[in-house]
C-alpha atoms as a PDB file:
ATOM      1  CA  MET A   1     187.845 139.665 110.550  1.00  0.00           C
ATOM      2  CA  LEU A   2     185.017 136.742 112.051  1.00  0.00           C
ATOM      3  CA  PRO A   3     184.763 133.540 110.709  1.00  0.00           C
ATOM      4  CA  ASN A   4     182.096 132.762 108.787  1.00  0.00           C
ATOM      5  CA  GLN A   5     179.144 130.640 110.586  1.00  0.00           C
ATOM      6  CA  THR A   6     177.068 127.920 109.403  1.00  0.00           C
ATOM      7  CA  ILE A   7     173.505 127.737 111.363  1.00  0.00           C
ATOM      8  CA  PHE A   8     171.821 124.641 111.854  1.00  0.00           C
ATOM      9  CA  VAL A   9     168.021 124.110 112.826  1.00  0.00           C
ATOM     10  CA  SER A  10     165.178 121.635 113.164  1.00  0.00           C
ATOM     11  CA  ASP A  11     161.975 121.374 114.278  1.00  0.00           C
ATOM     12  CA  ILE A  12     160.686 124.770 114.386  1.00  0.00           C
ATOM     13  CA  HIS A  13     157.246 123.404 113.432  1.00  0.00           C
ATOM     14  CA  LEU A  14     155.321 126.888 112.347  1.00  0.00           C
ATOM     15  CA  CYS A  15     151.744 126.688 112.673  1.00  0.00           C
ATOM     16  CA  GLU A  16     149.110 129.326 112.213  1.00  0.00           C
ATOM     17  CA  SER A  17     147.708 128.880 115.654  1.00  0.00           C
ATOM     18  CA  ARG A  18     151.516 129.921 116.981  1.00  0.00           C
ATOM     19  CA  PRO A  19     151.815 133.303 115.800  1.00  0.00           C
ATOM     20  CA  SER A  20     154.581 134.132 118.210  1.00  0.00           C
ATOM     21  CA  ILE A  21     156.844 131.499 116.785  1.00  0.00           C
ATOM     22  CA  THR A  22     156.368 132.401 113.265  1.00  0.00           C
ATOM     23  CA  ASP A  23     157.184 136.063 114.178  1.00  0.00           C
ATOM     24  CA  ALA A  24     160.085 134.798 116.303  1.00  0.00           C
ATOM     25  CA  PHE A  25     161.545 132.481 113.415  1.00  0.00           C
ATOM     26  CA  VAL A  26     160.910 135.501 110.863  1.00  0.00           C
ATOM     27  CA  ASN A  27     162.810 137.607 113.071  1.00  0.00           C
ATOM     28  CA  PHE A  28     165.429 135.467 113.466  1.00  0.00           C
ATOM     29  CA  LEU A  29     165.910 134.920 109.578  1.00  0.00           C
ATOM     30  CA  ASN A  30     165.851 139.100 109.070  1.00  0.00           C
ATOM     31  CA  LYS A  31     168.478 139.401 111.656  1.00  0.00           C
ATOM     32  CA  MET A  32     170.955 137.227 110.098  1.00  0.00           C
ATOM     33  CA  THR A  33     174.130 138.430 109.748  1.00  0.00           C
ATOM     34  CA  SER A  34     176.247 138.673 106.675  1.00  0.00           C
ATOM     35  CA  GLN A  35     178.927 136.688 108.974  1.00  0.00           C
ATOM     36  CA  VAL A  36     176.416 133.677 108.283  1.00  0.00           C
ATOM     37  CA  ASP A  37     177.218 131.993 105.015  1.00  0.00           C
ATOM     38  CA  THR A  38     174.632 128.566 105.235  1.00  0.00           C
ATOM     39  CA  LEU A  39     171.680 128.033 106.921  1.00  0.00           C
ATOM     40  CA  PHE A  40     170.305 124.291 107.292  1.00  0.00           C
ATOM     41  CA  ILE A  41     167.123 123.698 108.392  1.00  0.00           C
ATOM     42  CA  LEU A  42     166.493 119.792 108.974  1.00  0.00           C
ATOM     43  CA  GLY A  43     163.078 118.809 108.931  1.00  0.00           C
ATOM     44  CA  ASP A  44     159.679 119.740 110.137  1.00  0.00           C
ATOM     45  CA  LEU A  45     160.073 123.833 109.415  1.00  0.00           C
ATOM     46  CA  PHE A  46     156.036 123.449 109.157  1.00  0.00           C
ATOM     47  CA  GLU A  47     153.962 121.389 111.355  1.00  0.00           C
ATOM     48  CA  TYR A  48     152.297 120.474 108.193  1.00  0.00           C
ATOM     49  CA  TRP A  49     152.437 121.214 104.550  1.00  0.00           C
ATOM     50  CA  ILE A  50     149.656 120.239 102.400  1.00  0.00           C
ATOM     51  CA  GLY A  51     151.368 121.163  98.845  1.00  0.00           C
ATOM     52  CA  ASP A  52     152.970 124.318  97.330  1.00  0.00           C
ATOM     53  CA  ASP A  53     149.932 125.371  95.785  1.00  0.00           C
ATOM     54  CA  SER A  54     148.919 126.139  99.227  1.00  0.00           C
ATOM     55  CA  SER A  55     148.863 130.167 100.033  1.00  0.00           C
ATOM     56  CA  TYR A  56     149.754 129.455 104.235  1.00  0.00           C
ATOM     57  CA  HIS A  57     153.699 130.944 105.526  1.00  0.00           C
ATOM     58  CA  GLU A  58     153.875 133.330 102.583  1.00  0.00           C
ATOM     59  CA  ASN A  59     155.980 135.603 105.309  1.00  0.00           C
ATOM     60  CA  VAL A  60     158.359 132.642 106.013  1.00  0.00           C
ATOM     61  CA  ILE A  61     158.809 131.969 102.538  1.00  0.00           C
ATOM     62  CA  SER A  62     159.293 135.750 101.737  1.00  0.00           C
ATOM     63  CA  ALA A  63     162.142 135.719 104.641  1.00  0.00           C
ATOM     64  CA  LEU A  64     164.155 132.785 103.534  1.00  0.00           C
ATOM     65  CA  LYS A  65     163.891 134.192  99.437  1.00  0.00           C
ATOM     66  CA  ARG A  66     165.468 137.597 101.539  1.00  0.00           C
ATOM     67  CA  LEU A  67     168.380 135.449 102.870  1.00  0.00           C
ATOM     68  CA  VAL A  68     168.796 133.645  99.736  1.00  0.00           C
ATOM     69  CA  ASP A  69     169.257 137.521  98.094  1.00  0.00           C
ATOM     70  CA  ARG A  70     171.761 138.653 100.526  1.00  0.00           C
ATOM     71  CA  HIS A  71     173.711 135.189  99.295  1.00  0.00           C
ATOM     72  CA  ILE A  72     173.226 133.082 102.156  1.00  0.00           C
ATOM     73  CA  LYS A  73     172.717 129.784 101.046  1.00  0.00           C
ATOM     74  CA  VAL A  74     169.576 128.001 102.228  1.00  0.00           C
ATOM     75  CA  PHE A  75     169.503 124.225 102.615  1.00  0.00           C
ATOM     76  CA  LEU A  76     166.027 122.271 103.605  1.00  0.00           C
ATOM     77  CA  MET A  77     165.407 118.826 104.543  1.00  0.00           C
ATOM     78  CA  HIS A  78     162.064 116.880 104.167  1.00  0.00           C
ATOM     79  CA  GLY A  79     160.923 116.162 108.048  1.00  0.00           C
ATOM     80  CA  ASN A  80     158.158 113.900 109.055  1.00  0.00           C
ATOM     81  CA  ARG A  81     155.430 116.683 109.321  1.00  0.00           C
ATOM     82  CA  ASP A  82     156.481 118.705 105.658  1.00  0.00           C
ATOM     83  CA  PHE A  83     157.587 116.207 103.450  1.00  0.00           C
ATOM     84  CA  LEU A  84     155.751 117.280 100.691  1.00  0.00           C
ATOM     85  CA  ILE A  85     157.532 120.524 100.252  1.00  0.00           C
ATOM     86  CA  GLY A  86     158.429 120.409  96.669  1.00  0.00           C
ATOM     87  CA  SER A  87     160.173 122.048  93.719  1.00  0.00           C
ATOM     88  CA  THR A  88     158.031 125.209  93.531  1.00  0.00           C
ATOM     89  CA  PHE A  89     158.904 125.698  97.178  1.00  0.00           C
ATOM     90  CA  GLU A  90     162.242 125.427  96.085  1.00  0.00           C
ATOM     91  CA  LYS A  91     162.292 128.308  93.295  1.00  0.00           C
ATOM     92  CA  LYS A  92     159.927 130.483  95.436  1.00  0.00           C
ATOM     93  CA  THR A  93     162.544 130.481  98.246  1.00  0.00           C
ATOM     94  CA  GLY A  94     165.545 129.967  96.779  1.00  0.00           C
ATOM     95  CA  ALA A  95     166.246 127.009  99.362  1.00  0.00           C
ATOM     96  CA  ILE A  96     167.788 123.469  97.857  1.00  0.00           C
ATOM     97  CA  LEU A  97     166.199 120.611  98.996  1.00  0.00           C
ATOM     98  CA  LEU A  98     168.702 117.858 100.590  1.00  0.00           C
ATOM     99  CA  LYS A  99     168.139 113.993 100.929  1.00  0.00           C
ATOM    100  CA  ASP A 100     167.958 112.615 103.860  1.00  0.00           C
ATOM    101  CA  PRO A 101     170.843 111.693 104.956  1.00  0.00           C
ATOM    102  CA  THR A 102     173.207 114.085 103.454  1.00  0.00           C
ATOM    103  CA  LEU A 103     176.864 114.044 104.511  1.00  0.00           C
ATOM    104  CA  ILE A 104     178.647 117.437 103.961  1.00  0.00           C
ATOM    105  CA  LYS A 105     182.210 118.867 104.314  1.00  0.00           C
ATOM    106  CA  ILE A 106     182.957 122.196 106.487  1.00  0.00           C
ATOM    107  CA  TYR A 107     186.132 123.314 107.915  1.00  0.00           C
ATOM    108  CA  ASP A 108     187.961 119.554 107.050  1.00  0.00           C
ATOM    109  CA  ARG A 109     184.943 118.139 109.465  1.00  0.00           C
ATOM    110  CA  LYS A 110     183.078 115.242 108.112  1.00  0.00           C
ATOM    111  CA  ILE A 111     179.107 116.224 109.011  1.00  0.00           C
ATOM    112  CA  LEU A 112     176.173 113.623 108.417  1.00  0.00           C
ATOM    113  CA  LEU A 113     173.158 115.266 108.490  1.00  0.00           C
ATOM    114  CA  SER A 114     169.251 113.853 108.938  1.00  0.00           C
ATOM    115  CA  HIS A 115     165.964 114.874 110.207  1.00  0.00           C
ATOM    116  CA  GLY A 116     165.929 111.721 112.564  1.00  0.00           C
ATOM    117  CA  ASP A 117     163.108 110.377 112.285  1.00  0.00           C
ATOM    118  CA  SER A 118     164.540 107.448 110.389  1.00  0.00           C
ATOM    119  CA  LEU A 119     166.669 106.561 113.661  1.00  0.00           C
ATOM    120  CA  CYS A 120     163.636 105.586 115.784  1.00  0.00           C
ATOM    121  CA  THR A 121     163.705 101.834 114.443  1.00  0.00           C
ATOM    122  CA  ASP A 122     161.725 101.086 117.694  1.00  0.00           C
ATOM    123  CA  ASP A 123     158.426 102.407 116.628  1.00  0.00           C
ATOM    124  CA  THR A 124     157.622 100.073 114.365  1.00  0.00           C
ATOM    125  CA  GLU A 125     154.106 101.768 114.101  1.00  0.00           C
ATOM    126  CA  TYR A 126     155.379 105.678 113.052  1.00  0.00           C
ATOM    127  CA  GLN A 127     157.826 103.462 110.230  1.00  0.00           C
ATOM    128  CA  SER A 128     155.101 101.727 108.805  1.00  0.00           C
ATOM    129  CA  PHE A 129     152.852 104.853 108.421  1.00  0.00           C
ATOM    130  CA  LYS A 130     155.775 106.724 107.202  1.00  0.00           C
ATOM    131  CA  LYS A 131     156.562 104.153 104.659  1.00  0.00           C
ATOM    132  CA  LYS A 132     152.654 104.400 103.455  1.00  0.00           C
ATOM    133  CA  VAL A 133     152.758 108.393 103.162  1.00  0.00           C
ATOM    134  CA  ARG A 134     156.266 108.907 101.295  1.00  0.00           C
ATOM    135  CA  ASP A 135     155.021 106.553  98.400  1.00  0.00           C
ATOM    136  CA  GLU A 136     154.768 108.451  95.239  1.00  0.00           C
ATOM    137  CA  SER A 137     151.726 107.297  94.473  1.00  0.00           C
ATOM    138  CA  TRP A 138     150.071 107.993  97.629  1.00  0.00           C
ATOM    139  CA  LYS A 139     151.841 111.684  97.896  1.00  0.00           C
ATOM    140  CA  ASN A 140     150.242 112.160  93.992  1.00  0.00           C
ATOM    141  CA  GLU A 141     147.049 111.313  95.075  1.00  0.00           C
ATOM    142  CA  PHE A 142     146.482 113.448  98.072  1.00  0.00           C
ATOM    143  CA  LEU A 143     148.044 116.296  96.489  1.00  0.00           C
ATOM    144  CA  LYS A 144     145.163 116.316  93.884  1.00  0.00           C
ATOM    145  CA  LYS A 145     142.729 116.476  96.569  1.00  0.00           C
ATOM    146  CA  PRO A 146     141.020 119.900  97.330  1.00  0.00           C
ATOM    147  CA  LEU A 147     143.033 122.210  99.619  1.00  0.00           C
ATOM    148  CA  PRO A 148     140.129 121.981 102.208  1.00  0.00           C
ATOM    149  CA  GLU A 149     140.093 118.221 102.522  1.00  0.00           C
ATOM    150  CA  ARG A 150     143.862 117.941 102.330  1.00  0.00           C
ATOM    151  CA  ILE A 151     143.978 120.163 105.504  1.00  0.00           C
ATOM    152  CA  LEU A 152     141.118 118.013 107.081  1.00  0.00           C
ATOM    153  CA  ILE A 153     143.325 114.909 106.028  1.00  0.00           C
ATOM    154  CA  ALA A 154     145.903 117.138 107.838  1.00  0.00           C
ATOM    155  CA  ASN A 155     144.982 117.684 111.142  1.00  0.00           C
ATOM    156  CA  GLU A 156     143.532 114.361 111.635  1.00  0.00           C
ATOM    157  CA  PHE A 157     146.679 112.497 110.933  1.00  0.00           C
ATOM    158  CA  ARG A 158     148.632 115.115 114.121  1.00  0.00           C
ATOM    159  CA  LYS A 159     145.542 114.281 116.503  1.00  0.00           C
ATOM    160  CA  GLN A 160     146.007 110.821 115.835  1.00  0.00           C
ATOM    161  CA  SER A 161     149.893 111.191 116.127  1.00  0.00           C
ATOM    162  CA  GLU A 162     149.348 113.135 119.767  1.00  0.00           C
ATOM    163  CA  LEU A 163     147.116 110.215 120.877  1.00  0.00           C
ATOM    164  CA  ASN A 164     149.739 107.108 119.707  1.00  0.00           C
ATOM    165  CA  LYS A 165     152.370 109.114 121.613  1.00  0.00           C
ATOM    166  CA  LYS A 166     150.690 109.127 124.935  1.00  0.00           C
ATOM    167  CA  ASN A 167     150.669 105.473 124.148  1.00  0.00           C
ATOM    168  CA  LYS A 168     153.996 104.821 123.488  1.00  0.00           C
ATOM    169  CA  SER A 169     157.147 104.974 125.887  1.00  0.00           C
ATOM    170  CA  GLU A 170     159.678 107.543 125.636  1.00  0.00           C
ATOM    171  CA  GLU A 171     162.256 104.868 124.766  1.00  0.00           C
ATOM    172  CA  ILE A 172     160.528 103.805 121.688  1.00  0.00           C
ATOM    173  CA  MET A 173     160.394 107.348 120.478  1.00  0.00           C
ATOM    174  CA  ASP A 174     164.090 108.114 120.387  1.00  0.00           C
ATOM    175  CA  ALA A 175     167.044 106.974 118.523  1.00  0.00           C
ATOM    176  CA  ASN A 176     167.748 103.475 118.692  1.00  0.00           C
ATOM    177  CA  PRO A 177     171.441 103.135 119.418  1.00  0.00           C
ATOM    178  CA  ASP A 178     172.110 100.571 117.110  1.00  0.00           C
ATOM    179  CA  GLU A 179     170.797 102.272 114.217  1.00  0.00           C
ATOM    180  CA  VAL A 180     172.859 105.478 115.054  1.00  0.00           C
ATOM    181  CA  ASN A 181     175.743 103.132 115.336  1.00  0.00           C
ATOM    182  CA  ARG A 182     175.019 101.821 111.915  1.00  0.00           C
ATOM    183  CA  ILE A 183     174.401 105.028 109.954  1.00  0.00           C
ATOM    184  CA  LEU A 184     177.413 105.998 111.169  1.00  0.00           C
ATOM    185  CA  ILE A 185     179.654 103.053 109.905  1.00  0.00           C
ATOM    186  CA  GLN A 186     177.532 103.645 106.569  1.00  0.00           C
ATOM    187  CA  PHE A 187     179.150 107.267 106.270  1.00  0.00           C
ATOM    188  CA  ASN A 188     182.752 106.374 107.434  1.00  0.00           C
ATOM    189  CA  TYR A 189     182.693 107.500 111.065  1.00  0.00           C
ATOM    190  CA  PRO A 190     181.695 111.408 110.631  1.00  0.00           C
ATOM    191  CA  ASP A 191     183.178 113.910 112.987  1.00  0.00           C
ATOM    192  CA  PHE A 192     179.785 115.299 113.766  1.00  0.00           C
ATOM    193  CA  PHE A 193     175.965 113.587 113.215  1.00  0.00           C
ATOM    194  CA  ILE A 194     173.407 116.617 113.354  1.00  0.00           C
ATOM    195  CA  HIS A 195     169.484 115.740 113.312  1.00  0.00           C
ATOM    196  CA  GLY A 196     166.375 116.813 114.999  1.00  0.00           C
ATOM    197  CA  HIS A 197     163.105 114.839 115.240  1.00  0.00           C
ATOM    198  CA  THR A 198     163.123 113.505 118.945  1.00  0.00           C
ATOM    199  CA  HIS A 199     163.029 116.959 120.692  1.00  0.00           C
ATOM    200  CA  ARG A 200     165.459 115.856 122.677  1.00  0.00           C
ATOM    201  CA  PRO A 201     168.614 118.393 122.096  1.00  0.00           C
ATOM    202  CA  TYR A 202     171.816 116.860 123.642  1.00  0.00           C
ATOM    203  CA  HIS A 203     175.553 116.900 122.780  1.00  0.00           C
ATOM    204  CA  HIS A 204     176.701 112.940 122.752  1.00  0.00           C
ATOM    205  CA  SER A 205     179.922 111.830 122.766  1.00  0.00           C
ATOM    206  CA  ILE A 206     180.439 108.473 120.894  1.00  0.00           C
ATOM    207  CA  ASN A 207     183.536 106.229 120.735  1.00  0.00           C
ATOM    208  CA  LEU A 208     183.074 103.616 118.074  1.00  0.00           C
ATOM    209  CA  ASP A 209     185.842 101.586 116.323  1.00  0.00           C
ATOM    210  CA  GLY A 210     188.562 103.464 117.721  1.00  0.00           C
ATOM    211  CA  HIS A 211     186.776 106.810 116.361  1.00  0.00           C
ATOM    212  CA  GLN A 212     185.392 109.804 118.290  1.00  0.00           C
ATOM    213  CA  MET A 213     182.331 111.345 117.142  1.00  0.00           C
ATOM    214  CA  GLN A 214     179.478 114.045 118.507  1.00  0.00           C
ATOM    215  CA  ARG A 215     175.686 113.037 118.129  1.00  0.00           C
ATOM    216  CA  VAL A 216     174.010 116.984 117.954  1.00  0.00           C
ATOM    217  CA  VAL A 217     170.596 116.516 118.585  1.00  0.00           C
ATOM    218  CA  LEU A 218     168.654 119.730 118.079  1.00  0.00           C
ATOM    219  CA  GLY A 219     166.115 121.384 119.857  1.00  0.00           C
ATOM    220  CA  ASP A 220     162.094 122.111 118.868  1.00  0.00           C
ATOM    221  CA  TRP A 221     161.170 125.576 118.558  1.00  0.00           C
ATOM    222  CA  TYR A 222     157.644 124.700 120.625  1.00  0.00           C
ATOM    223  CA  GLU A 223     158.306 126.849 123.645  1.00  0.00           C
ATOM    224  CA  GLN A 224     161.772 128.722 122.677  1.00  0.00           C
ATOM    225  CA  GLY A 225     163.608 128.735 119.712  1.00  0.00           C
ATOM    226  CA  SER A 226     167.320 127.210 119.484  1.00  0.00           C
ATOM    227  CA  TYR A 227     169.917 126.947 116.937  1.00  0.00           C
ATOM    228  CA  LEU A 228     173.663 125.432 116.066  1.00  0.00           C
ATOM    229  CA  THR A 229     176.143 126.964 114.716  1.00  0.00           C
ATOM    230  CA  LEU A 230     179.281 125.886 113.542  1.00  0.00           C
ATOM    231  CA  ASP A 231     182.703 127.702 112.677  1.00  0.00           C
ATOM    232  CA  LEU A 232     186.713 127.709 113.118  1.00  0.00           C
ATOM    233  CA  HIS A 233     186.174 127.795 116.475  1.00  0.00           C
ATOM    234  CA  GLY A 234     183.925 124.564 117.039  1.00  0.00           C
ATOM    235  CA  ILE A 235     180.047 123.813 117.083  1.00  0.00           C
ATOM    236  CA  LYS A 236     177.563 125.719 119.970  1.00  0.00           C
ATOM    237  CA  THR A 237     174.467 125.795 120.875  1.00  0.00           C
ATOM    238  CA  HIS A 238     172.171 129.314 121.217  1.00  0.00           C
ATOM    239  CA  GLN A 239     168.891 129.847 122.513  1.00  0.00           C
ATOM    240  CA  ILE A 240     166.873 132.765 121.461  1.00  0.00           C
END
């Protein structure tokens, strides 16, 4: 009998303008075998999320619900693009929202999970923007606006984000090594630290204070889907 698998994905960035990626992701969910017992989505499932009252991505919501109905647990973490996913989305899908970061244990391995944007401390402009839009009063005011207005604001944020990226160095937008070490120490040296956000997939080996760890950065789905599996035999990256 094959060991149970845990799957990790991040940065799917589902969007109406890229239907092929949505189709690929829904197909990925539909083909998940009974060997899989848990799926972790570590942020930016959607390119943007303007509120749970939106009628977008009903096919994705249905596909997630089918997974849960098959007794495959689904956990979801907010990303920088879809931090407005809320309790109604949880009820519709059966997925459970996780705090960022979250420490879990699988097969006696300690695994720290995060979206990863909090690691990019050199990008002070983004961190300031994040602090503003994550404020409860800002979110409440935004969600009171009519859907068409929210769509316009979200699209404007996306355009501004793309412009800002062009004026920033690669180093500024990557994880800060000191911040990575700080959080590893804070969570008592986990075996694995898995996150996304930077769109720079890689397995980093870290030796810190005599502890050997791995920081695994998940890839995005802009061009091709990818995912990470963890089972008794170890951890492995796959392409779709």
